[in-house]
Amino acid sequence: MQIPVMNAPDLDQCPPRSPRVRLGGFTILPRILDKIRAEIAGTAGEYKYKNPLDWHFLNYTGIDPDELKQEVARGGGDWEVLQWVRAKTTPQRMEWEIAQWADWTANFTFHDADMREWFTEEIRRLNPARDDIRTVFDRLDLDDYASFGGQA
C-alpha cells in the first residue's frame, strides 16, 4: 500500500501543536493529528500516539485509535479528518457538549496525591521558579517549549 504524501511535522525539530489548539471545538485532536502524521512519516521522535492524553479524546469520541490512524494515513487535511471524526463520534455530540468537554480538558488538574506529587516534580524539573503552571496543558506546553531549547 502506498501512503499518500502528507504534510507531516518533524517532531525531532518542533513539538506537535499545543493540546489547547482546537479543531471543530475539540482540544487535543490537532496534537493527535500531528503525532499520527509524524509517526506515519517516521518523524515522531519521542512523541507517542495513544498516550494517556490522547485517550481522553479517543474515549470521549468513542473512536478506535487504529481507525483514526488509518483515516489520517489516507492523506486528508485537518478538515477532512474532522468530518470523519464528527461522523464516527459515538454518541454524537452537540457543539455545547464538545465545548464543555474541551473546557474541562483545558483546565484539568490532578486530584490524586501521587499524580500531584509527580506534577510538582515535573515543574521542579522544568523550571522550579514557575508558579503559574497549574493544568496538565500548562505542563505539556512548558515541556514542549523547554524540550526545544526555550527558557522555561
C-alpha atoms as a PDB file:
ATOM      1  CA  MET A   1       0.000   0.000   0.000  1.00  0.00           C
ATOM      2  CA  GLN A   2       1.379   3.365  -0.980  1.00  0.00           C
ATOM      3  CA  ILE A   3       0.952   6.047   1.661  1.00  0.00           C
ATOM      4  CA  PRO A   4      -0.112   9.412   0.259  1.00  0.00           C
ATOM      5  CA  VAL A   5       2.216  12.352   0.682  1.00  0.00           C
ATOM      6  CA  MET A   6       1.093  14.422   3.635  1.00  0.00           C
ATOM      7  CA  ASN A   7       2.374  17.418   5.480  1.00  0.00           C
ATOM      8  CA  ALA A   8       3.855  15.603   8.474  1.00  0.00           C
ATOM      9  CA  PRO A   9       5.718  17.613  11.092  1.00  0.00           C
ATOM     10  CA  ASP A  10       9.208  16.549  12.120  1.00  0.00           C
ATOM     11  CA  LEU A  11       8.767  16.174  15.870  1.00  0.00           C
ATOM     12  CA  ASP A  12      12.517  15.971  16.328  1.00  0.00           C
ATOM     13  CA  GLN A  13      12.617  19.595  15.153  1.00  0.00           C
ATOM     14  CA  CYS A  14       9.462  21.046  16.714  1.00  0.00           C
ATOM     15  CA  PRO A  15       6.712  19.882  19.051  1.00  0.00           C
ATOM     16  CA  PRO A  16       3.227  18.925  17.940  1.00  0.00           C
ATOM     17  CA  ARG A  17       0.541  21.563  18.301  1.00  0.00           C
ATOM     18  CA  SER A  18      -0.445  22.507  21.811  1.00  0.00           C
ATOM     19  CA  PRO A  19      -3.245  20.420  23.308  1.00  0.00           C
ATOM     20  CA  ARG A  20      -5.097  23.753  23.700  1.00  0.00           C
ATOM     21  CA  VAL A  21      -5.464  24.169  19.929  1.00  0.00           C
ATOM     22  CA  ARG A  22      -8.989  23.239  18.880  1.00  0.00           C
ATOM     23  CA  LEU A  23     -10.336  21.700  15.722  1.00  0.00           C
ATOM     24  CA  GLY A  24     -14.108  21.555  15.418  1.00  0.00           C
ATOM     25  CA  GLY A  25     -14.187  22.568  19.074  1.00  0.00           C
ATOM     26  CA  PHE A  26     -12.104  19.561  20.166  1.00  0.00           C
ATOM     27  CA  THR A  27      -8.949  20.132  22.175  1.00  0.00           C
ATOM     28  CA  ILE A  28      -6.176  17.528  21.833  1.00  0.00           C
ATOM     29  CA  LEU A  29      -7.241  16.498  18.294  1.00  0.00           C
ATOM     30  CA  PRO A  30      -4.760  18.727  16.377  1.00  0.00           C
ATOM     31  CA  ARG A  31      -1.927  17.422  18.581  1.00  0.00           C
ATOM     32  CA  ILE A  32      -3.026  13.847  17.895  1.00  0.00           C
ATOM     33  CA  LEU A  33      -3.096  14.509  14.137  1.00  0.00           C
ATOM     34  CA  ASP A  34       0.448  15.897  14.267  1.00  0.00           C
ATOM     35  CA  LYS A  35       1.665  12.828  16.154  1.00  0.00           C
ATOM     36  CA  ILE A  36      -0.084  10.376  13.828  1.00  0.00           C
ATOM     37  CA  ARG A  37       1.233  12.098  10.703  1.00  0.00           C
ATOM     38  CA  ALA A  38       4.745  12.182  12.156  1.00  0.00           C
ATOM     39  CA  GLU A  39       4.503   8.526  13.192  1.00  0.00           C
ATOM     40  CA  ILE A  40       3.467   7.555   9.657  1.00  0.00           C
ATOM     41  CA  ALA A  41       6.334   9.620   8.197  1.00  0.00           C
ATOM     42  CA  GLY A  42       8.853   8.250  10.692  1.00  0.00           C
ATOM     43  CA  THR A  43       9.453  11.687  12.243  1.00  0.00           C
ATOM     44  CA  ALA A  44       7.663  11.300  15.602  1.00  0.00           C
ATOM     45  CA  GLY A  45      10.814  11.479  17.700  1.00  0.00           C
ATOM     46  CA  GLU A  46       9.931  10.832  21.334  1.00  0.00           C
ATOM     47  CA  TYR A  47       6.239  11.667  20.868  1.00  0.00           C
ATOM     48  CA  LYS A  48       3.854   8.737  21.099  1.00  0.00           C
ATOM     49  CA  TYR A  49       0.342   8.383  19.725  1.00  0.00           C
ATOM     50  CA  LYS A  50      -2.183   6.717  22.063  1.00  0.00           C
ATOM     51  CA  ASN A  51      -0.666   8.191  25.210  1.00  0.00           C
ATOM     52  CA  PRO A  52      -2.906   8.939  28.228  1.00  0.00           C
ATOM     53  CA  LEU A  53      -3.817  12.426  26.967  1.00  0.00           C
ATOM     54  CA  ASP A  54      -4.819  11.046  23.566  1.00  0.00           C
ATOM     55  CA  TRP A  55      -7.111   8.569  25.295  1.00  0.00           C
ATOM     56  CA  HIS A  56      -9.140  11.456  26.779  1.00  0.00           C
ATOM     57  CA  PHE A  57     -10.112  12.404  23.238  1.00  0.00           C
ATOM     58  CA  LEU A  58     -10.482   8.820  21.991  1.00  0.00           C
ATOM     59  CA  ASN A  59     -12.684   7.806  24.928  1.00  0.00           C
ATOM     60  CA  TYR A  60     -14.827  10.927  24.642  1.00  0.00           C
ATOM     61  CA  THR A  61     -15.478  10.393  20.937  1.00  0.00           C
ATOM     62  CA  GLY A  62     -15.635   6.602  21.050  1.00  0.00           C
ATOM     63  CA  ILE A  63     -13.223   6.451  18.122  1.00  0.00           C
ATOM     64  CA  ASP A  64     -10.957   3.461  17.680  1.00  0.00           C
ATOM     65  CA  PRO A  65      -7.342   4.723  17.637  1.00  0.00           C
ATOM     66  CA  ASP A  66      -6.291   2.382  14.848  1.00  0.00           C
ATOM     67  CA  GLU A  67      -9.209   3.501  12.656  1.00  0.00           C
ATOM     68  CA  LEU A  68      -8.252   7.135  13.252  1.00  0.00           C
ATOM     69  CA  LYS A  69      -4.678   6.390  12.222  1.00  0.00           C
ATOM     70  CA  GLN A  70      -5.943   4.653   9.064  1.00  0.00           C
ATOM     71  CA  GLU A  71      -8.075   7.675   8.228  1.00  0.00           C
ATOM     72  CA  VAL A  72      -5.162  10.073   8.708  1.00  0.00           C
ATOM     73  CA  ALA A  73      -2.967   7.810   6.563  1.00  0.00           C
ATOM     74  CA  ARG A  74      -5.373   8.396   3.664  1.00  0.00           C
ATOM     75  CA  GLY A  75      -3.749  11.824   3.417  1.00  0.00           C
ATOM     76  CA  GLY A  76      -6.637  14.196   4.118  1.00  0.00           C
ATOM     77  CA  GLY A  77      -6.076  17.511   5.822  1.00  0.00           C
ATOM     78  CA  ASP A  78      -7.390  18.530   9.214  1.00  0.00           C
ATOM     79  CA  TRP A  79     -10.803  19.467   7.792  1.00  0.00           C
ATOM     80  CA  GLU A  80     -11.323  16.109   6.107  1.00  0.00           C
ATOM     81  CA  VAL A  81     -10.257  14.223   9.213  1.00  0.00           C
ATOM     82  CA  LEU A  82     -12.548  16.375  11.353  1.00  0.00           C
ATOM     83  CA  GLN A  83     -15.518  15.492   9.133  1.00  0.00           C
ATOM     84  CA  TRP A  84     -14.650  11.825   9.595  1.00  0.00           C
ATOM     85  CA  VAL A  85     -14.325  12.308  13.387  1.00  0.00           C
ATOM     86  CA  ARG A  86     -17.725  14.001  13.547  1.00  0.00           C
ATOM     87  CA  ALA A  87     -19.315  11.145  11.620  1.00  0.00           C
ATOM     88  CA  LYS A  88     -17.648   8.464  13.768  1.00  0.00           C
ATOM     89  CA  THR A  89     -18.160  10.041  17.203  1.00  0.00           C
ATOM     90  CA  THR A  90     -20.378   7.816  19.334  1.00  0.00           C
ATOM     91  CA  PRO A  91     -22.590   9.032  20.783  1.00  0.00           C
ATOM     92  CA  GLN A  92     -22.946  12.066  18.552  1.00  0.00           C
ATOM     93  CA  ARG A  93     -22.133  15.262  20.453  1.00  0.00           C
ATOM     94  CA  MET A  94     -23.747  18.672  20.288  1.00  0.00           C
ATOM     95  CA  GLU A  95     -21.459  21.691  19.923  1.00  0.00           C
ATOM     96  CA  TRP A  96     -22.150  22.777  23.505  1.00  0.00           C
ATOM     97  CA  GLU A  97     -21.165  19.304  24.768  1.00  0.00           C
ATOM     98  CA  ILE A  98     -17.881  19.440  22.876  1.00  0.00           C
ATOM     99  CA  ALA A  99     -17.252  22.949  24.216  1.00  0.00           C
ATOM    100  CA  GLN A 100     -17.861  21.826  27.812  1.00  0.00           C
ATOM    101  CA  TRP A 101     -15.608  18.813  27.387  1.00  0.00           C
ATOM    102  CA  ALA A 102     -12.888  20.941  25.764  1.00  0.00           C
ATOM    103  CA  ASP A 103     -13.062  23.488  28.586  1.00  0.00           C
ATOM    104  CA  TRP A 104     -12.782  20.662  31.114  1.00  0.00           C
ATOM    105  CA  THR A 105      -9.700  19.214  29.383  1.00  0.00           C
ATOM    106  CA  ALA A 106      -8.078  22.645  29.150  1.00  0.00           C
ATOM    107  CA  ASN A 107      -8.471  23.142  32.900  1.00  0.00           C
ATOM    108  CA  PHE A 108      -7.759  19.598  34.083  1.00  0.00           C
ATOM    109  CA  THR A 109      -5.565  19.244  37.157  1.00  0.00           C
ATOM    110  CA  PHE A 110      -4.594  16.167  39.110  1.00  0.00           C
ATOM    111  CA  HIS A 111      -6.594  15.367  42.243  1.00  0.00           C
ATOM    112  CA  ASP A 112      -4.800  12.154  43.123  1.00  0.00           C
ATOM    113  CA  ALA A 113      -1.964  12.688  45.646  1.00  0.00           C
ATOM    114  CA  ASP A 114       0.568  10.593  43.713  1.00  0.00           C
ATOM    115  CA  MET A 115      -0.163  12.408  40.449  1.00  0.00           C
ATOM    116  CA  ARG A 116       0.025  15.816  42.160  1.00  0.00           C
ATOM    117  CA  GLU A 117       3.428  14.816  43.524  1.00  0.00           C
ATOM    118  CA  TRP A 118       4.583  13.750  40.044  1.00  0.00           C
ATOM    119  CA  PHE A 119       3.226  17.005  38.576  1.00  0.00           C
ATOM    120  CA  THR A 120       5.117  19.066  41.172  1.00  0.00           C
ATOM    121  CA  GLU A 121       8.338  17.180  40.407  1.00  0.00           C
ATOM    122  CA  GLU A 122       7.835  17.862  36.711  1.00  0.00           C
ATOM    123  CA  ILE A 123       7.545  21.596  37.370  1.00  0.00           C
ATOM    124  CA  ARG A 124      10.696  21.458  39.505  1.00  0.00           C
ATOM    125  CA  ARG A 125      12.491  19.661  36.672  1.00  0.00           C
ATOM    126  CA  LEU A 126      11.351  22.110  34.014  1.00  0.00           C
ATOM    127  CA  ASN A 127      11.685  25.346  35.990  1.00  0.00           C
ATOM    128  CA  PRO A 128      11.217  25.467  39.769  1.00  0.00           C
ATOM    129  CA  ALA A 129      10.660  29.243  39.651  1.00  0.00           C
ATOM    130  CA  ARG A 130       7.458  28.882  37.629  1.00  0.00           C
ATOM    131  CA  ASP A 131       4.449  29.326  39.899  1.00  0.00           C
ATOM    132  CA  ASP A 132       1.941  29.738  37.065  1.00  0.00           C
ATOM    133  CA  ILE A 133       1.830  26.114  35.887  1.00  0.00           C
ATOM    134  CA  ARG A 134      -1.476  24.723  37.099  1.00  0.00           C
ATOM    135  CA  THR A 135      -3.016  22.429  34.485  1.00  0.00           C
ATOM    136  CA  VAL A 136      -1.941  19.395  32.501  1.00  0.00           C
ATOM    137  CA  PHE A 137      -1.952  21.548  29.369  1.00  0.00           C
ATOM    138  CA  ASP A 138       0.264  24.142  31.104  1.00  0.00           C
ATOM    139  CA  ARG A 139       2.825  21.428  31.884  1.00  0.00           C
ATOM    140  CA  LEU A 140       2.723  19.984  28.366  1.00  0.00           C
ATOM    141  CA  ASP A 141       3.216  23.404  26.787  1.00  0.00           C
ATOM    142  CA  LEU A 142       6.105  24.150  29.138  1.00  0.00           C
ATOM    143  CA  ASP A 143       7.707  20.760  28.499  1.00  0.00           C
ATOM    144  CA  ASP A 144       7.386  21.177  24.710  1.00  0.00           C
ATOM    145  CA  TYR A 145       8.899  24.662  24.917  1.00  0.00           C
ATOM    146  CA  ALA A 146      11.788  23.612  27.155  1.00  0.00           C
ATOM    147  CA  SER A 147      12.462  20.458  25.122  1.00  0.00           C
ATOM    148  CA  PHE A 148      13.181  22.547  22.046  1.00  0.00           C
ATOM    149  CA  GLY A 149      15.570  24.991  23.665  1.00  0.00           C
ATOM    150  CA  GLY A 150      13.224  27.551  25.169  1.00  0.00           C
ATOM    151  CA  GLN A 151      13.982  29.069  28.531  1.00  0.00           C
ATOM    152  CA  ALA A 152      11.253  27.549  30.666  1.00  0.00           C
END
